Amino acid sequence: ANDLPIQVSDSSVELELLYIDDLIDEMIHA
């Protein structure tokens, strides 16, 4: 977003990601 460089050593690395709004919805469910 700010036109700064990024470093990616291995583009095939997979992450499991949790979006903040989905987390917050679960907290309200709790």
Full PDB file with SEQRES, HELIX, SHEET, SSBOND, CRYST1, ORIGX, SCALE, CONECT and MASTER records, all heavy atoms in Angstrom:
SEQRES   1 A   30  ALA ASN ASP LEU PRO ILE GLN VAL SER ASP SER SER VAL          
SEQRES   2 A   30  GLU LEU GLU LEU LEU TYR ILE ASP ASP LEU ILE ASP GLU          
SEQRES   3 A   30  MET ILE HIS ALA                                              
HELIX    1 AA1 ILE A   20  HIS A   29  1                                  10    
CRYST1    1.000    1.000    1.000  90.00  90.00  90.00 P 1           1          
ORIGX1      1.000000  0.000000  0.000000        0.00000                         
ORIGX2      0.000000  1.000000  0.000000        0.00000                         
ORIGX3      0.000000  0.000000  1.000000        0.00000                         
SCALE1      1.000000  0.000000  0.000000        0.00000                         
SCALE2      0.000000  1.000000  0.000000        0.00000                         
SCALE3      0.000000  0.000000  1.000000        0.00000                         
ATOM      1  N   ALA A   1       0.825  -1.212   0.000  1.00  0.00           N  
ATOM      2  CA  ALA A   1       0.000   0.000   0.000  1.00  0.00           C  
ATOM      3  C   ALA A   1       0.857   1.258   0.000  1.00  0.00           C  
ATOM      4  O   ALA A   1       0.459   2.290  -0.546  1.00  0.00           O  
ATOM      5  CB  ALA A   1      -0.932   0.008   1.206  1.00  0.00           C  
ATOM      6  N   ASN A   2       2.041   1.172   0.599  1.00  0.00           N  
ATOM      7  CA  ASN A   2       2.921   2.337   0.727  1.00  0.00           C  
ATOM      8  C   ASN A   2       4.135   2.283  -0.207  1.00  0.00           C  
ATOM      9  O   ASN A   2       5.115   2.994   0.002  1.00  0.00           O  
ATOM     10  CB  ASN A   2       3.380   2.472   2.178  1.00  0.00           C  
ATOM     11  CG  ASN A   2       2.265   2.910   3.107  1.00  0.00           C  
ATOM     12  OD1 ASN A   2       1.986   4.101   3.233  1.00  0.00           O  
ATOM     13  ND2 ASN A   2       1.613   1.956   3.754  1.00  0.00           N  
ATOM     14  N   ASP A   3       4.054   1.412  -1.225  1.00  0.00           N  
ATOM     15  CA  ASP A   3       5.113   1.303  -2.237  1.00  0.00           C  
ATOM     16  C   ASP A   3       6.468   0.958  -1.628  1.00  0.00           C  
ATOM     17  O   ASP A   3       7.515   1.457  -2.058  1.00  0.00           O  
ATOM     18  CB  ASP A   3       5.222   2.602  -3.051  1.00  0.00           C  
ATOM     19  CG  ASP A   3       3.937   2.932  -3.786  1.00  0.00           C  
ATOM     20  OD1 ASP A   3       3.343   2.014  -4.368  1.00  0.00           O  
ATOM     21  OD2 ASP A   3       3.520   4.104  -3.765  1.00  0.00           O  
ATOM     22  N   LEU A   4       6.448   0.087  -0.622  1.00  0.00           N  
ATOM     23  CA  LEU A   4       7.678  -0.385   0.010  1.00  0.00           C  
ATOM     24  C   LEU A   4       7.963  -1.812  -0.449  1.00  0.00           C  
ATOM     25  O   LEU A   4       7.040  -2.549  -0.793  1.00  0.00           O  
ATOM     26  CB  LEU A   4       7.540  -0.337   1.536  1.00  0.00           C  
ATOM     27  CG  LEU A   4       7.292   1.041   2.151  1.00  0.00           C  
ATOM     28  CD1 LEU A   4       6.979   0.909   3.643  1.00  0.00           C  
ATOM     29  CD2 LEU A   4       8.493   1.944   1.933  1.00  0.00           C  
ATOM     30  N   PRO A   5       9.216  -2.219  -0.451  1.00  0.00           N  
ATOM     31  CA  PRO A   5       9.539  -3.579  -0.910  1.00  0.00           C  
ATOM     32  C   PRO A   5       9.063  -4.637   0.081  1.00  0.00           C  
ATOM     33  O   PRO A   5       8.912  -4.376   1.277  1.00  0.00           O  
ATOM     34  CB  PRO A   5      11.068  -3.566  -1.005  1.00  0.00           C  
ATOM     35  CG  PRO A   5      11.503  -2.509  -0.040  1.00  0.00           C  
ATOM     36  CD  PRO A   5      10.428  -1.453  -0.089  1.00  0.00           C  
ATOM     37  N   ILE A   6       8.810  -5.842  -0.433  1.00  0.00           N  
ATOM     38  CA  ILE A   6       8.487  -6.983   0.417  1.00  0.00           C  
ATOM     39  C   ILE A   6       9.458  -8.104   0.096  1.00  0.00           C  
ATOM     40  O   ILE A   6      10.075  -8.120  -0.973  1.00  0.00           O  
ATOM     41  CB  ILE A   6       7.035  -7.472   0.222  1.00  0.00           C  
ATOM     42  CG1 ILE A   6       6.818  -7.944  -1.220  1.00  0.00           C  
ATOM     43  CG2 ILE A   6       6.034  -6.391   0.608  1.00  0.00           C  
ATOM     44  CD1 ILE A   6       5.503  -8.662  -1.429  1.00  0.00           C  
ATOM     45  N   GLN A   7       9.596  -9.025   1.036  1.00  0.00           N  
ATOM     46  CA  GLN A   7      10.457 -10.180   0.834  1.00  0.00           C  
ATOM     47  C   GLN A   7       9.649 -11.458   1.003  1.00  0.00           C  
ATOM     48  O   GLN A   7       8.998 -11.643   2.034  1.00  0.00           O  
ATOM     49  CB  GLN A   7      11.626 -10.167   1.825  1.00  0.00           C  
ATOM     50  CG  GLN A   7      12.625  -9.040   1.581  1.00  0.00           C  
ATOM     51  CD  GLN A   7      13.817  -9.115   2.516  1.00  0.00           C  
ATOM     52  OE1 GLN A   7      13.732  -9.730   3.575  1.00  0.00           O  
ATOM     53  NE2 GLN A   7      14.918  -8.494   2.130  1.00  0.00           N  
ATOM     54  N   VAL A   8       9.698 -12.315   0.004  1.00  0.00           N  
ATOM     55  CA  VAL A   8       9.038 -13.616   0.070  1.00  0.00           C  
ATOM     56  C   VAL A   8      10.078 -14.661  -0.315  1.00  0.00           C  
ATOM     57  O   VAL A   8      10.476 -14.752  -1.475  1.00  0.00           O  
ATOM     58  CB  VAL A   8       7.829 -13.695  -0.884  1.00  0.00           C  
ATOM     59  CG1 VAL A   8       7.169 -15.059  -0.782  1.00  0.00           C  
ATOM     60  CG2 VAL A   8       6.824 -12.591  -0.572  1.00  0.00           C  
ATOM     61  N   SER A   9      10.519 -15.428   0.656  1.00  0.00           N  
ATOM     62  CA  SER A   9      11.566 -16.413   0.396  1.00  0.00           C  
ATOM     63  C   SER A   9      11.023 -17.656  -0.307  1.00  0.00           C  
ATOM     64  O   SER A   9      11.708 -18.263  -1.122  1.00  0.00           O  
ATOM     65  CB  SER A   9      12.255 -16.824   1.706  1.00  0.00           C  
ATOM     66  OG  SER A   9      11.306 -17.300   2.637  1.00  0.00           O  
ATOM     67  N   ASP A  10       9.773 -18.008  -0.002  1.00  0.00           N  
ATOM     68  CA  ASP A  10       9.167 -19.192  -0.624  1.00  0.00           C  
ATOM     69  C   ASP A  10       7.673 -18.930  -0.810  1.00  0.00           C  
ATOM     70  O   ASP A  10       6.897 -18.991   0.138  1.00  0.00           O  
ATOM     71  CB  ASP A  10       9.386 -20.423   0.251  1.00  0.00           C  
ATOM     72  CG  ASP A  10       8.876 -21.707  -0.396  1.00  0.00           C  
ATOM     73  OD1 ASP A  10       8.225 -21.617  -1.461  1.00  0.00           O  
ATOM     74  OD2 ASP A  10       9.116 -22.795   0.162  1.00  0.00           O  
ATOM     75  N   SER A  11       7.276 -18.636  -2.044  1.00  0.00           N  
ATOM     76  CA  SER A  11       5.885 -18.259  -2.311  1.00  0.00           C  
ATOM     77  C   SER A  11       4.917 -19.420  -2.151  1.00  0.00           C  
ATOM     78  O   SER A  11       3.700 -19.216  -2.095  1.00  0.00           O  
ATOM     79  CB  SER A  11       5.758 -17.687  -3.733  1.00  0.00           C  
ATOM     80  OG  SER A  11       6.131 -18.652  -4.692  1.00  0.00           O  
ATOM     81  N   SER A  12       5.429 -20.652  -2.052  1.00  0.00           N  
ATOM     82  CA  SER A  12       4.556 -21.820  -1.914  1.00  0.00           C  
ATOM     83  C   SER A  12       4.170 -22.112  -0.467  1.00  0.00           C  
ATOM     84  O   SER A  12       3.342 -22.985  -0.209  1.00  0.00           O  
ATOM     85  CB  SER A  12       5.221 -23.053  -2.519  1.00  0.00           C  
ATOM     86  OG  SER A  12       6.356 -23.442  -1.757  1.00  0.00           O  
ATOM     87  N   VAL A  13       4.768 -21.401   0.487  1.00  0.00           N  
ATOM     88  CA  VAL A  13       4.453 -21.622   1.901  1.00  0.00           C  
ATOM     89  C   VAL A  13       2.977 -21.307   2.160  1.00  0.00           C  
ATOM     90  O   VAL A  13       2.486 -20.245   1.769  1.00  0.00           O  
ATOM     91  CB  VAL A  13       5.342 -20.756   2.811  1.00  0.00           C  
ATOM     92  CG1 VAL A  13       4.846 -20.794   4.259  1.00  0.00           C  
ATOM     93  CG2 VAL A  13       6.784 -21.228   2.746  1.00  0.00           C  
ATOM     94  N   GLU A  14       2.281 -22.239   2.798  1.00  0.00           N  
ATOM     95  CA  GLU A  14       0.852 -22.066   3.064  1.00  0.00           C  
ATOM     96  C   GLU A  14       0.622 -21.632   4.504  1.00  0.00           C  
ATOM     97  O   GLU A  14       1.241 -22.144   5.436  1.00  0.00           O  
ATOM     98  CB  GLU A  14       0.104 -23.370   2.795  1.00  0.00           C  
ATOM     99  CG  GLU A  14      -1.410 -23.249   2.910  1.00  0.00           C  
ATOM    100  CD  GLU A  14      -2.129 -24.549   2.606  1.00  0.00           C  
ATOM    101  OE1 GLU A  14      -2.081 -25.457   3.468  1.00  0.00           O  
ATOM    102  OE2 GLU A  14      -2.726 -24.647   1.528  1.00  0.00           O  
ATOM    103  N   LEU A  15      -0.265 -20.657   4.679  1.00  0.00           N  
ATOM    104  CA  LEU A  15      -0.646 -20.170   6.000  1.00  0.00           C  
ATOM    105  C   LEU A  15      -2.123 -20.447   6.249  1.00  0.00           C  
ATOM    106  O   LEU A  15      -2.940 -20.356   5.326  1.00  0.00           O  
ATOM    107  CB  LEU A  15      -0.412 -18.657   6.116  1.00  0.00           C  
ATOM    108  CG  LEU A  15       1.001 -18.122   5.921  1.00  0.00           C  
ATOM    109  CD1 LEU A  15       0.994 -16.603   6.036  1.00  0.00           C  
ATOM    110  CD2 LEU A  15       1.970 -18.730   6.923  1.00  0.00           C  
ATOM    111  N   GLU A  16      -2.445 -20.772   7.492  1.00  0.00           N  
ATOM    112  CA  GLU A  16      -3.850 -20.786   7.889  1.00  0.00           C  
ATOM    113  C   GLU A  16      -4.133 -19.424   8.507  1.00  0.00           C  
ATOM    114  O   GLU A  16      -3.483 -19.025   9.471  1.00  0.00           O  
ATOM    115  CB  GLU A  16      -4.155 -21.890   8.894  1.00  0.00           C  
ATOM    116  CG  GLU A  16      -5.638 -21.928   9.255  1.00  0.00           C  
ATOM    117  CD  GLU A  16      -6.011 -23.020  10.240  1.00  0.00           C  
ATOM    118  OE1 GLU A  16      -5.088 -23.652  10.798  1.00  0.00           O  
ATOM    119  OE2 GLU A  16      -7.216 -23.236  10.458  1.00  0.00           O  
ATOM    120  N   LEU A  17      -5.112 -18.726   7.965  1.00  0.00           N  
ATOM    121  CA  LEU A  17      -5.364 -17.343   8.345  1.00  0.00           C  
ATOM    122  C   LEU A  17      -6.764 -17.174   8.928  1.00  0.00           C  
ATOM    123  O   LEU A  17      -7.732 -17.748   8.434  1.00  0.00           O  
ATOM    124  CB  LEU A  17      -5.207 -16.424   7.138  1.00  0.00           C  
ATOM    125  CG  LEU A  17      -3.798 -16.366   6.537  1.00  0.00           C  
ATOM    126  CD1 LEU A  17      -3.816 -15.638   5.200  1.00  0.00           C  
ATOM    127  CD2 LEU A  17      -2.840 -15.683   7.497  1.00  0.00           C  
ATOM    128  N   LEU A  18      -6.836 -16.370   9.968  1.00  0.00           N  
ATOM    129  CA  LEU A  18      -8.104 -16.057  10.634  1.00  0.00           C  
ATOM    130  C   LEU A  18      -8.309 -14.552  10.583  1.00  0.00           C  
ATOM    131  O   LEU A  18      -7.492 -13.782  11.096  1.00  0.00           O  
ATOM    132  CB  LEU A  18      -8.080 -16.556  12.081  1.00  0.00           C  
ATOM    133  CG  LEU A  18      -9.244 -16.147  12.991  1.00  0.00           C  
ATOM    134  CD1 LEU A  18     -10.588 -16.591  12.414  1.00  0.00           C  
ATOM    135  CD2 LEU A  18      -9.045 -16.734  14.395  1.00  0.00           C  
ATOM    136  N   TYR A  19      -9.397 -14.136   9.952  1.00  0.00           N  
ATOM    137  CA  TYR A  19      -9.723 -12.718   9.793  1.00  0.00           C  
ATOM    138  C   TYR A  19     -10.312 -12.176  11.086  1.00  0.00           C  
ATOM    139  O   TYR A  19     -11.099 -12.842  11.763  1.00  0.00           O  
ATOM    140  CB  TYR A  19     -10.713 -12.567   8.644  1.00  0.00           C  
ATOM    141  CG  TYR A  19     -11.085 -11.153   8.292  1.00  0.00           C  
ATOM    142  CD1 TYR A  19     -10.121 -10.191   8.040  1.00  0.00           C  
ATOM    143  CD2 TYR A  19     -12.425 -10.785   8.193  1.00  0.00           C  
ATOM    144  CE1 TYR A  19     -10.476  -8.893   7.697  1.00  0.00           C  
ATOM    145  CE2 TYR A  19     -12.797  -9.499   7.837  1.00  0.00           C  
ATOM    146  CZ  TYR A  19     -11.806  -8.548   7.594  1.00  0.00           C  
ATOM    147  OH  TYR A  19     -12.171  -7.269   7.258  1.00  0.00           O  
ATOM    148  N   ILE A  20      -9.958 -10.955  11.401  1.00  0.00           N  
ATOM    149  CA  ILE A  20     -10.325 -10.388  12.701  1.00  0.00           C  
ATOM    150  C   ILE A  20     -11.838 -10.336  12.914  1.00  0.00           C  
ATOM    151  O   ILE A  20     -12.321 -10.617  14.015  1.00  0.00           O  
ATOM    152  CB  ILE A  20      -9.697  -8.980  12.892  1.00  0.00           C  
ATOM    153  CG1 ILE A  20      -9.884  -8.488  14.322  1.00  0.00           C  
ATOM    154  CG2 ILE A  20     -10.240  -7.998  11.871  1.00  0.00           C  
ATOM    155  CD1 ILE A  20      -9.249  -9.340  15.384  1.00  0.00           C  
ATOM    156  N   ASP A  21     -12.617 -10.021  11.896  1.00  0.00           N  
ATOM    157  CA  ASP A  21     -14.071  -9.960  12.083  1.00  0.00           C  
ATOM    158  C   ASP A  21     -14.665 -11.336  12.369  1.00  0.00           C  
ATOM    159  O   ASP A  21     -15.640 -11.458  13.120  1.00  0.00           O  
ATOM    160  CB  ASP A  21     -14.747  -9.351  10.855  1.00  0.00           C  
ATOM    161  CG  ASP A  21     -14.544  -7.849  10.769  1.00  0.00           C  
ATOM    162  OD1 ASP A  21     -13.756  -7.311  11.571  1.00  0.00           O  
ATOM    163  OD2 ASP A  21     -15.146  -7.211   9.881  1.00  0.00           O  
ATOM    164  N   ASP A  22     -14.072 -12.386  11.757  1.00  0.00           N  
ATOM    165  CA  ASP A  22     -14.539 -13.747  12.047  1.00  0.00           C  
ATOM    166  C   ASP A  22     -14.184 -14.128  13.479  1.00  0.00           C  
ATOM    167  O   ASP A  22     -14.976 -14.799  14.167  1.00  0.00           O  
ATOM    168  CB  ASP A  22     -13.904 -14.737  11.064  1.00  0.00           C  
ATOM    169  CG  ASP A  22     -14.354 -14.500   9.634  1.00  0.00           C  
ATOM    170  OD1 ASP A  22     -15.545 -14.185   9.434  1.00  0.00           O  
ATOM    171  OD2 ASP A  22     -13.519 -14.612   8.722  1.00  0.00           O  
ATOM    172  N   LEU A  23     -13.014 -13.702  13.928  1.00  0.00           N  
ATOM    173  CA  LEU A  23     -12.624 -13.949  15.317  1.00  0.00           C  
ATOM    174  C   LEU A  23     -13.579 -13.238  16.276  1.00  0.00           C  
ATOM    175  O   LEU A  23     -14.052 -13.831  17.258  1.00  0.00           O  
ATOM    176  CB  LEU A  23     -11.187 -13.472  15.530  1.00  0.00           C  
ATOM    177  CG  LEU A  23     -10.489 -13.781  16.863  1.00  0.00           C  
ATOM    178  CD1 LEU A  23      -8.976 -13.684  16.692  1.00  0.00           C  
ATOM    179  CD2 LEU A  23     -10.921 -12.864  17.992  1.00  0.00           C  
ATOM    180  N   ILE A  24     -13.865 -11.967  15.995  1.00  0.00           N  
ATOM    181  CA  ILE A  24     -14.744 -11.197  16.877  1.00  0.00           C  
ATOM    182  C   ILE A  24     -16.142 -11.795  16.914  1.00  0.00           C  
ATOM    183  O   ILE A  24     -16.774 -11.874  17.978  1.00  0.00           O  
ATOM    184  CB  ILE A  24     -14.793  -9.720  16.440  1.00  0.00           C  
ATOM    185  CG1 ILE A  24     -13.395  -9.086  16.503  1.00  0.00           C  
ATOM    186  CG2 ILE A  24     -15.783  -8.939  17.319  1.00  0.00           C  
ATOM    187  CD1 ILE A  24     -12.686  -9.234  17.834  1.00  0.00           C  
ATOM    188  N   ASP A  25     -16.637 -12.250  15.778  1.00  0.00           N  
ATOM    189  CA  ASP A  25     -17.960 -12.902  15.763  1.00  0.00           C  
ATOM    190  C   ASP A  25     -17.965 -14.127  16.673  1.00  0.00           C  
ATOM    191  O   ASP A  25     -18.944 -14.382  17.399  1.00  0.00           O  
ATOM    192  CB  ASP A  25     -18.338 -13.314  14.341  1.00  0.00           C  
ATOM    193  CG  ASP A  25     -18.887 -12.156  13.524  1.00  0.00           C  
ATOM    194  OD1 ASP A  25     -19.186 -11.102  14.115  1.00  0.00           O  
ATOM    195  OD2 ASP A  25     -19.017 -12.302  12.294  1.00  0.00           O  
ATOM    196  N   GLU A  26     -16.864 -14.904  16.633  1.00  0.00           N  
ATOM    197  CA  GLU A  26     -16.787 -16.080  17.500  1.00  0.00           C  
ATOM    198  C   GLU A  26     -16.729 -15.666  18.971  1.00  0.00           C  
ATOM    199  O   GLU A  26     -17.314 -16.334  19.830  1.00  0.00           O  
ATOM    200  CB  GLU A  26     -15.572 -16.931  17.137  1.00  0.00           C  
ATOM    201  CG  GLU A  26     -15.323 -18.105  18.065  1.00  0.00           C  
ATOM    202  CD  GLU A  26     -16.431 -19.151  18.084  1.00  0.00           C  
ATOM    203  OE1 GLU A  26     -17.240 -19.200  17.115  1.00  0.00           O  
ATOM    204  OE2 GLU A  26     -16.498 -19.931  19.056  1.00  0.00           O  
ATOM    205  N   MET A  27     -16.056 -14.561  19.279  1.00  0.00           N  
ATOM    206  CA  MET A  27     -16.004 -14.083  20.659  1.00  0.00           C  
ATOM    207  C   MET A  27     -17.402 -13.700  21.163  1.00  0.00           C  
ATOM    208  O   MET A  27     -17.751 -13.954  22.318  1.00  0.00           O  
ATOM    209  CB  MET A  27     -15.064 -12.875  20.775  1.00  0.00           C  
ATOM    210  CG  MET A  27     -13.594 -13.164  20.483  1.00  0.00           C  
ATOM    211  SD  MET A  27     -12.848 -14.413  21.563  1.00  0.00           S  
ATOM    212  CE  MET A  27     -13.050 -15.913  20.571  1.00  0.00           C  
ATOM    213  N   ILE A  28     -18.201 -13.095  20.300  1.00  0.00           N  
ATOM    214  CA  ILE A  28     -19.569 -12.748  20.692  1.00  0.00           C  
ATOM    215  C   ILE A  28     -20.393 -14.020  20.880  1.00  0.00           C  
ATOM    216  O   ILE A  28     -21.205 -14.125  21.807  1.00  0.00           O  
ATOM    217  CB  ILE A  28     -20.228 -11.820  19.650  1.00  0.00           C  
ATOM    218  CG1 ILE A  28     -19.370 -10.571  19.395  1.00  0.00           C  
ATOM    219  CG2 ILE A  28     -21.628 -11.418  20.132  1.00  0.00           C  
ATOM    220  CD1 ILE A  28     -19.079  -9.734  20.617  1.00  0.00           C  
ATOM    221  N   HIS A  29     -20.169 -15.006  20.009  1.00  0.00           N  
ATOM    222  CA  HIS A  29     -20.837 -16.304  20.202  1.00  0.00           C  
ATOM    223  C   HIS A  29     -20.454 -16.898  21.557  1.00  0.00           C  
ATOM    224  O   HIS A  29     -21.307 -17.448  22.271  1.00  0.00           O  
ATOM    225  CB  HIS A  29     -20.438 -17.278  19.086  1.00  0.00           C  
ATOM    226  CG  HIS A  29     -21.197 -17.081  17.807  1.00  0.00           C  
ATOM    227  ND1 HIS A  29     -22.563 -17.197  17.726  1.00  0.00           N  
ATOM    228  CD2 HIS A  29     -20.769 -16.775  16.559  1.00  0.00           C  
ATOM    229  CE1 HIS A  29     -22.957 -16.969  16.487  1.00  0.00           C  
ATOM    230  NE2 HIS A  29     -21.887 -16.710  15.753  1.00  0.00           N  
ATOM    231  N   ALA A  30     -19.178 -16.800  21.906  1.00  0.00           N  
ATOM    232  CA  ALA A  30     -18.720 -17.322  23.199  1.00  0.00           C  
ATOM    233  C   ALA A  30     -19.407 -16.589  24.344  1.00  0.00           C  
ATOM    234  O   ALA A  30     -19.807 -17.199  25.344  1.00  0.00           O  
ATOM    235  CB  ALA A  30     -17.205 -17.191  23.305  1.00  0.00           C  
TER     236      ALA A  30                                                      
MASTER        0    0    0    1    0    0    0    6  235    1    0    3          
END                                                                             
